[in-house]
N, C-alpha and C. Protein backbone atom coordinates (compact mmCIF):
# COMPACT_ATOMS: atom_id res chain seq x y z
N MET A 1 12.97 -9.50 -2.47
CA MET A 1 11.73 -9.17 -1.68
C MET A 1 11.96 -8.75 -0.20
N ASN A 2 11.12 -7.53 0.20
CA ASN A 2 11.10 -7.67 1.48
C ASN A 2 9.75 -7.75 2.03
N THR A 3 9.30 -8.81 2.10
CA THR A 3 7.85 -9.49 2.53
C THR A 3 7.93 -9.85 4.01
N ASP A 4 9.09 -9.87 4.38
CA ASP A 4 9.70 -10.19 5.76
C ASP A 4 9.19 -8.19 6.64
N ARG A 5 9.25 -7.50 5.95
CA ARG A 5 9.36 -6.40 6.57
C ARG A 5 7.48 -5.68 6.84
N PHE A 6 7.39 -4.87 8.12
CA PHE A 6 5.91 -4.60 8.33
C PHE A 6 5.90 -3.35 8.70
N LYS A 7 4.55 -2.74 8.62
CA LYS A 7 4.94 -1.21 9.35
C LYS A 7 3.40 -1.27 10.33
N ALA A 8 3.36 -0.40 11.10
CA ALA A 8 2.12 -0.43 12.36
C ALA A 8 2.09 1.05 13.02
N LYS A 9 0.98 1.48 13.60
CA LYS A 9 1.05 2.24 13.83
C LYS A 9 1.22 1.91 15.67
N ALA A 10 2.66 2.68 16.34
CA ALA A 10 3.05 2.42 17.60
C ALA A 10 1.97 3.29 18.45
N LEU A 11 1.55 2.42 20.21
CA LEU A 11 1.16 2.86 20.87
C LEU A 11 2.15 3.74 21.43
N THR A 12 1.13 5.11 21.78
CA THR A 12 2.20 6.18 22.47
C THR A 12 1.45 6.90 23.76
N VAL A 13 2.30 6.96 24.55
CA VAL A 13 1.55 7.92 26.02
C VAL A 13 1.24 9.17 25.72
N TRP A 14 1.70 9.59 25.17
CA TRP A 14 1.53 11.03 24.60
C TRP A 14 1.29 11.44 23.24
N GLY A 15 0.12 12.17 22.65
CA GLY A 15 0.10 12.38 21.24
C GLY A 15 -0.83 11.46 20.53
N ASN A 16 -0.16 11.41 19.03
CA ASN A 16 -0.64 10.71 18.49
C ASN A 16 0.06 9.56 18.11
N PRO A 17 -0.48 8.33 17.69
CA PRO A 17 0.30 7.06 17.32
C PRO A 17 1.17 7.38 16.22
N GLU A 18 2.17 6.87 15.83
CA GLU A 18 3.34 7.13 14.87
C GLU A 18 3.57 5.96 14.24
N TRP A 19 3.73 5.81 12.78
CA TRP A 19 4.09 4.71 12.13
C TRP A 19 5.48 4.35 12.41
N VAL A 20 5.47 3.12 12.31
CA VAL A 20 7.03 2.41 12.37
C VAL A 20 7.10 1.63 11.63
N GLU A 21 8.23 1.18 11.20
CA GLU A 21 8.36 -0.10 10.30
C GLU A 21 9.72 -1.04 10.83
N GLY A 22 9.67 -2.25 10.68
CA GLY A 22 10.58 -2.91 10.79
C GLY A 22 10.30 -4.68 10.72
N TYR A 23 10.76 -5.39 11.51
CA TYR A 23 10.49 -7.05 11.55
C TYR A 23 9.51 -7.01 12.64
N TYR A 24 8.73 -7.99 12.66
CA TYR A 24 7.26 -8.62 13.13
C TYR A 24 7.91 -9.32 14.37
N VAL A 25 7.39 -9.07 15.39
CA VAL A 25 7.81 -10.20 16.48
C VAL A 25 6.49 -10.21 17.77
N GLY A 26 6.31 -11.29 17.96
CA GLY A 26 5.09 -11.56 18.74
C GLY A 26 5.83 -11.52 20.35
N ARG A 27 5.35 -10.97 21.02
CA ARG A 27 5.95 -11.45 22.72
C ARG A 27 4.70 -11.47 23.49
N HIS A 28 4.63 -12.59 24.00
CA HIS A 28 3.37 -13.04 24.71
C HIS A 28 2.01 -12.62 24.48
N GLU A 29 1.01 -11.51 24.78
CA GLU A 29 0.33 -10.78 24.53
C GLU A 29 0.40 -9.66 23.68
N ASP A 30 1.26 -9.06 23.71
CA ASP A 30 1.89 -7.75 22.99
C ASP A 30 1.91 -7.83 21.82
N VAL A 31 2.33 -7.18 20.93
CA VAL A 31 2.83 -7.25 19.22
C VAL A 31 3.82 -6.28 19.37
N ILE A 32 4.75 -6.37 18.76
CA ILE A 32 6.00 -5.35 18.83
C ILE A 32 6.78 -5.47 17.55
N VAL A 33 7.18 -4.47 17.22
CA VAL A 33 8.02 -4.29 15.73
C VAL A 33 9.23 -3.77 16.06
N VAL A 34 10.21 -4.43 15.75
CA VAL A 34 11.79 -3.95 15.63
C VAL A 34 12.12 -3.04 14.50
N VAL A 35 12.18 -2.16 14.91
CA VAL A 35 12.49 -1.12 13.80
C VAL A 35 13.76 -1.27 13.25
N SER A 36 13.68 -1.45 11.94
CA SER A 36 15.15 -1.26 11.22
C SER A 36 16.22 -0.37 11.38
N GLY A 37 17.83 -0.44 11.66
CA GLY A 37 18.62 0.42 11.81
C GLY A 37 18.95 0.33 13.04
N ARG A 38 18.32 0.08 14.12
CA ARG A 38 18.57 -0.20 15.37
C ARG A 38 17.70 -1.00 16.28
N GLU A 39 18.01 -1.69 17.52
CA GLU A 39 17.26 -2.62 18.31
C GLU A 39 16.03 -1.75 18.86
N LEU A 40 15.04 -0.85 18.24
CA LEU A 40 14.17 -0.48 19.16
C LEU A 40 12.76 -1.38 19.31
N TRP A 41 12.20 -1.40 19.98
CA TRP A 41 11.05 -2.28 20.32
C TRP A 41 9.70 -1.42 20.44
N ALA A 42 8.99 -1.67 19.87
CA ALA A 42 7.74 -0.64 19.72
C ALA A 42 6.48 -1.33 19.86
N GLU A 43 5.72 -1.16 21.01
CA GLU A 43 4.42 -1.82 21.24
C GLU A 43 3.56 -1.12 20.21
N ILE A 44 2.51 -1.87 19.43
CA ILE A 44 1.93 -1.47 18.45
C ILE A 44 0.50 -1.64 18.64
N HIS A 45 -0.56 -1.13 17.64
CA HIS A 45 -1.63 -1.33 17.70
C HIS A 45 -1.93 -2.33 16.81
N SER A 46 -2.22 -3.72 17.00
CA SER A 46 -2.42 -4.89 16.29
C SER A 46 -2.85 -4.47 14.88
N ASN A 47 -4.25 -4.10 15.09
CA ASN A 47 -5.21 -3.65 13.92
C ASN A 47 -4.53 -3.12 12.83
N THR A 48 -3.24 -2.34 13.05
CA THR A 48 -2.86 -1.43 12.02
C THR A 48 -1.64 -2.28 11.56
N LEU A 49 -1.11 -3.50 11.75
CA LEU A 49 -0.27 -4.25 10.96
C LEU A 49 -0.28 -4.56 9.95
N CYS A 50 0.71 -4.00 8.92
CA CYS A 50 0.85 -4.03 7.34
C CYS A 50 1.73 -4.58 7.03
N GLN A 51 1.83 -5.73 6.34
CA GLN A 51 2.81 -6.30 5.59
C GLN A 51 3.45 -5.47 4.15
N CYS A 52 5.04 -5.75 4.28
CA CYS A 52 5.17 -5.17 2.71
C CYS A 52 4.93 -6.08 1.67
N THR A 53 4.96 -5.56 0.45
CA THR A 53 4.65 -6.22 -0.84
C THR A 53 5.44 -6.79 -1.18
N GLY A 54 6.64 -6.09 -1.25
CA GLY A 54 8.12 -6.44 -1.97
C GLY A 54 8.00 -5.51 -3.10
N ARG A 55 6.95 -4.57 -3.31
CA ARG A 55 7.15 -3.88 -4.59
C ARG A 55 7.68 -2.38 -3.91
N LYS A 56 8.20 -1.64 -4.96
CA LYS A 56 8.23 -0.01 -4.94
C LYS A 56 7.52 0.78 -5.80
N ASP A 57 7.36 1.83 -5.22
CA ASP A 57 6.82 2.81 -6.47
C ASP A 57 7.57 3.54 -7.00
N SER A 58 7.13 4.79 -7.74
CA SER A 58 7.86 5.29 -8.63
C SER A 58 9.35 6.14 -7.85
N ASN A 59 8.76 6.47 -6.95
CA ASN A 59 10.15 7.11 -5.83
C ASN A 59 11.12 6.24 -4.91
N VAL A 60 11.07 4.92 -5.26
CA VAL A 60 11.77 3.91 -4.85
C VAL A 60 11.06 3.70 -3.37
N ASP A 61 9.92 4.21 -3.24
CA ASP A 61 9.79 3.54 -1.29
C ASP A 61 8.83 2.73 -1.55
N LEU A 62 8.99 1.39 -0.35
CA LEU A 62 8.34 0.43 -0.31
C LEU A 62 6.72 0.32 -0.49
N ILE A 63 6.07 -0.36 -0.93
CA ILE A 63 4.56 -0.27 -1.01
C ILE A 63 3.94 -1.32 0.30
N TYR A 64 3.34 -1.19 1.22
CA TYR A 64 2.62 -2.10 2.26
C TYR A 64 0.99 -2.26 1.76
N GLU A 65 0.94 -3.42 2.22
CA GLU A 65 -0.75 -3.29 2.23
C GLU A 65 -1.30 -2.19 3.15
N GLY A 66 -2.74 -1.98 2.97
CA GLY A 66 -3.32 -0.76 3.46
C GLY A 66 -2.68 0.63 2.80
N ASP A 67 -1.72 0.64 2.08
CA ASP A 67 -1.38 1.55 1.39
C ASP A 67 -1.94 2.43 0.24
N GLU A 68 -2.48 3.73 0.03
CA GLU A 68 -3.25 3.97 -0.80
C GLU A 68 -2.22 4.39 -2.12
N VAL A 69 -2.59 3.72 -3.32
CA VAL A 69 -1.18 4.05 -4.38
C VAL A 69 -2.51 4.92 -5.65
N VAL A 70 -1.82 5.59 -6.48
CA VAL A 70 -2.38 5.78 -7.63
C VAL A 70 -1.62 5.42 -9.03
N ILE A 71 -2.23 5.33 -10.20
CA ILE A 71 -1.68 4.88 -11.42
C ILE A 71 -2.14 5.77 -12.29
N LYS A 72 -1.29 6.62 -12.79
CA LYS A 72 -2.02 7.84 -13.80
C LYS A 72 -2.19 7.13 -14.92
N GLY A 73 -3.04 7.69 -15.62
CA GLY A 73 -3.32 7.41 -16.93
C GLY A 73 -3.50 5.90 -17.34
N PHE A 74 -4.41 5.50 -16.32
CA PHE A 74 -4.84 3.69 -16.65
C PHE A 74 -5.95 3.65 -17.40
N ARG A 75 -5.59 2.49 -18.22
CA ARG A 75 -6.70 2.15 -19.14
C ARG A 75 -7.50 0.98 -18.58
N PRO A 76 -8.85 1.32 -18.11
CA PRO A 76 -9.48 -0.14 -17.46
C PRO A 76 -9.89 -0.62 -18.37
N HIS A 77 -10.43 -0.53 -19.69
CA HIS A 77 -10.71 -1.51 -20.44
C HIS A 77 -9.50 -2.04 -21.74
N PRO A 78 -9.21 -3.11 -21.53
CA PRO A 78 -8.44 -3.42 -22.70
C PRO A 78 -8.77 -2.96 -24.27
N GLU A 79 -10.23 -3.01 -24.46
CA GLU A 79 -10.89 -2.87 -25.53
C GLU A 79 -11.07 -1.55 -25.93
N ALA A 80 -10.42 -0.54 -24.90
CA ALA A 80 -10.59 0.93 -25.17
C ALA A 80 -9.95 1.43 -26.46
N GLU A 81 -10.87 2.10 -27.46
CA GLU A 81 -10.09 2.43 -28.78
C GLU A 81 -9.52 3.93 -28.81
N PHE A 82 -8.74 3.81 -29.49
CA PHE A 82 -7.68 4.46 -29.60
C PHE A 82 -8.42 6.22 -30.42
N ASP A 83 -8.14 7.27 -30.02
CA ASP A 83 -8.68 8.42 -30.75
C ASP A 83 -7.73 9.20 -31.27
N PRO A 84 -7.76 8.93 -32.34
CA PRO A 84 -6.55 9.81 -33.36
C PRO A 84 -6.43 11.17 -33.41
N LEU A 85 -7.61 11.84 -33.38
CA LEU A 85 -7.67 13.22 -33.17
C LEU A 85 -7.05 13.90 -31.85
N ALA A 86 -7.38 13.26 -30.73
CA ALA A 86 -7.12 13.17 -29.34
C ALA A 86 -5.33 12.75 -29.10
N GLY A 87 -5.42 11.65 -29.68
CA GLY A 87 -3.97 11.07 -29.57
C GLY A 87 -3.80 10.39 -28.49
N VAL A 88 -5.00 9.91 -27.92
CA VAL A 88 -4.96 9.24 -26.42
C VAL A 88 -6.14 8.14 -26.92
N PHE A 89 -6.09 7.12 -25.88
CA PHE A 89 -7.21 5.83 -25.97
C PHE A 89 -8.33 6.80 -24.99
N ASP A 90 -9.49 6.51 -25.54
CA ASP A 90 -10.74 6.96 -24.86
C ASP A 90 -11.22 6.99 -23.72
N GLU A 91 -10.39 5.88 -22.82
CA GLU A 91 -10.96 5.73 -21.49
C GLU A 91 -9.87 5.94 -20.45
N TYR A 92 -9.13 6.24 -20.49
CA TYR A 92 -7.65 6.73 -19.95
C TYR A 92 -8.41 7.39 -18.29
N GLN A 93 -8.11 7.09 -17.59
CA GLN A 93 -8.25 7.64 -16.24
C GLN A 93 -7.14 7.25 -15.02
N ASP A 94 -7.08 7.92 -13.79
CA ASP A 94 -6.14 7.50 -12.79
C ASP A 94 -7.13 6.55 -12.11
N LEU A 95 -6.21 5.55 -11.67
CA LEU A 95 -6.67 4.59 -11.28
C LEU A 95 -6.08 4.93 -9.60
N GLN A 96 -6.96 5.04 -8.61
CA GLN A 96 -6.76 5.11 -7.11
C GLN A 96 -7.16 4.20 -6.15
N GLY A 97 -6.40 3.42 -5.45
CA GLY A 97 -6.96 2.59 -4.40
C GLY A 97 -5.95 2.15 -3.20
N PHE A 98 -6.39 1.42 -2.31
CA PHE A 98 -5.85 0.86 -1.23
C PHE A 98 -5.27 -0.49 -1.81
N VAL A 99 -4.46 -0.91 -1.18
CA VAL A 99 -3.67 -2.16 -1.90
C VAL A 99 -4.10 -3.25 -0.76
N GLU A 100 -4.64 -4.13 -0.73
CA GLU A 100 -4.85 -5.80 -0.30
C GLU A 100 -4.92 -6.77 -0.25
N TYR A 101 -4.43 -7.73 0.59
CA TYR A 101 -4.01 -8.94 0.28
C TYR A 101 -5.40 -9.84 0.26
N ARG A 102 -5.38 -10.69 -1.09
CA ARG A 102 -6.59 -11.79 -1.30
C ARG A 102 -6.42 -12.67 -2.11
N ASN A 103 -6.41 -13.73 -1.59
CA ASN A 103 -6.06 -15.08 -2.08
C ASN A 103 -5.01 -15.32 -2.54
N GLY A 104 -3.75 -14.73 -1.97
CA GLY A 104 -2.60 -14.89 -1.90
C GLY A 104 -1.84 -13.87 -2.66
N ARG A 105 -2.65 -12.89 -3.20
CA ARG A 105 -1.90 -11.76 -4.19
C ARG A 105 -2.48 -10.46 -3.65
N TYR A 106 -1.66 -9.52 -3.96
CA TYR A 106 -1.64 -7.69 -3.76
C TYR A 106 -2.41 -7.55 -4.58
N TYR A 107 -3.67 -6.59 -4.55
CA TYR A 107 -4.47 -6.07 -5.22
C TYR A 107 -4.82 -4.43 -5.05
N ILE A 108 -5.00 -3.82 -6.09
CA ILE A 108 -5.33 -2.23 -5.99
C ILE A 108 -7.03 -2.32 -5.97
N CYS A 109 -7.61 -1.96 -4.66
CA CYS A 109 -9.00 -1.72 -4.48
C CYS A 109 -9.49 -0.52 -4.62
N SER A 110 -10.35 -0.04 -5.81
CA SER A 110 -11.03 1.17 -5.52
C SER A 110 -12.14 1.56 -4.78
N GLY A 111 -12.90 0.18 -4.97
CA GLY A 111 -14.36 0.24 -4.61
C GLY A 111 -15.00 0.86 -5.71
N GLN A 112 -14.42 1.41 -6.66
CA GLN A 112 -15.25 1.69 -7.75
C GLN A 112 -15.47 0.71 -8.81
N SER A 113 -14.22 -0.31 -8.98
CA SER A 113 -14.16 -0.80 -9.91
C SER A 113 -13.61 -2.45 -9.50
N GLU A 114 -13.19 -3.40 -10.46
CA GLU A 114 -12.83 -4.64 -9.97
C GLU A 114 -11.12 -4.72 -9.21
N PRO A 115 -10.69 -5.07 -8.29
CA PRO A 115 -9.46 -5.01 -8.21
C PRO A 115 -8.48 -5.67 -9.11
N PHE A 116 -7.45 -4.42 -9.16
CA PHE A 116 -6.30 -5.01 -10.36
C PHE A 116 -5.19 -5.29 -9.56
N ASP A 117 -4.49 -6.52 -10.06
CA ASP A 117 -3.19 -7.04 -9.56
C ASP A 117 -2.26 -6.12 -9.42
N LEU A 118 -1.52 -5.88 -8.22
CA LEU A 118 -0.23 -4.76 -7.93
C LEU A 118 0.85 -5.24 -8.94
N PHE A 119 0.67 -6.66 -8.85
CA PHE A 119 2.07 -6.87 -10.02
C PHE A 119 1.82 -6.73 -11.38
N GLY A 120 0.74 -6.09 -11.48
CA GLY A 120 0.46 -5.95 -13.13
C GLY A 120 1.18 -4.66 -13.45
N PHE A 121 1.37 -3.91 -13.05
CA PHE A 121 1.82 -2.70 -13.37
C PHE A 121 3.45 -2.50 -12.86
N GLN A 122 3.96 -1.65 -13.82
CA GLN A 122 5.52 -1.11 -13.69
C GLN A 122 5.70 -0.42 -12.39
N SER A 123 6.69 -0.58 -11.53
CA SER A 123 6.59 0.59 -10.54
C SER A 123 6.96 1.66 -11.02
N THR A 124 7.29 2.27 -12.28
CA THR A 124 7.34 3.54 -12.61
C THR A 124 5.75 3.96 -12.79
N GLU A 125 5.27 3.14 -12.67
CA GLU A 125 3.77 3.70 -13.08
C GLU A 125 2.88 4.20 -11.59
N ILE A 126 3.52 3.56 -10.31
CA ILE A 126 2.69 3.57 -9.32
C ILE A 126 3.25 4.67 -8.59
N THR A 127 2.33 5.33 -7.85
CA THR A 127 2.65 6.24 -6.70
C THR A 127 2.05 6.10 -5.43
N LEU A 128 2.85 6.37 -4.34
CA LEU A 128 2.13 6.33 -3.23
C LEU A 128 1.68 7.71 -2.67
N THR A 129 0.36 7.82 -2.13
CA THR A 129 -0.01 9.17 -1.77
C THR A 129 0.19 9.36 -0.41
N GLY A 130 0.90 8.42 0.42
CA GLY A 130 1.19 9.17 1.72
C GLY A 130 -0.04 8.36 2.72
N LYS A 131 -1.09 8.21 2.16
CA LYS A 131 -1.85 7.62 3.01
C LYS A 131 -2.41 6.14 3.10
N ASN A 132 -2.67 5.62 4.46
CA ASN A 132 -2.99 4.35 4.45
C ASN A 132 -4.14 3.79 4.97
N ILE A 133 -4.92 2.97 4.76
CA ILE A 133 -6.11 2.81 4.87
C ILE A 133 -6.55 2.86 6.66
N HIS A 134 -5.77 2.81 7.26
CA HIS A 134 -5.59 3.10 9.04
C HIS A 134 -5.59 4.29 9.47
N ASP A 135 -5.24 5.40 8.42
CA ASP A 135 -5.70 6.75 8.51
C ASP A 135 -6.92 7.62 8.24
N VAL A 136 -7.20 6.73 7.55
CA VAL A 136 -8.69 7.04 7.08
C VAL A 136 -9.95 6.90 8.07
N PRO A 137 -10.62 7.64 8.28
CA PRO A 137 -11.84 7.38 9.35
C PRO A 137 -13.07 6.16 8.69
N ASN A 138 -13.43 5.16 9.63
CA ASN A 138 -14.53 4.42 9.07
C ASN A 138 -14.01 3.64 8.02
N LYS A 139 -12.83 3.03 7.91
CA LYS A 139 -12.30 2.28 6.97
C LYS A 139 -12.01 0.87 7.59
């Protein structure tokens, strides 16, 4: 598990903040990330700090809280009926939402349905969209 890893947007003097990944360290009033691979210290926006869930997506990329994920062909209701003419269940759809930490577990929260446990899916079913909740205005 990589749950000791974090990512956050680094403060920058010029231009837009960049995402950095590494190990979280607190220093006085500042919040800092040690970026893996080398001892690079980056001051970050503390409200963008996202912990690694320990899961990977279908491309073997780590999933962090706040990341947007998609589950293709998700069956939201276990009682969905199989349509033999179409060869599929009648209620398949894509589940898309942001990963949130609630009550000691990670959930996929779409805002359109109940939250679904991130660990209830195979890694091969999960795809990252490349967006994080901190990239979306008004979230």
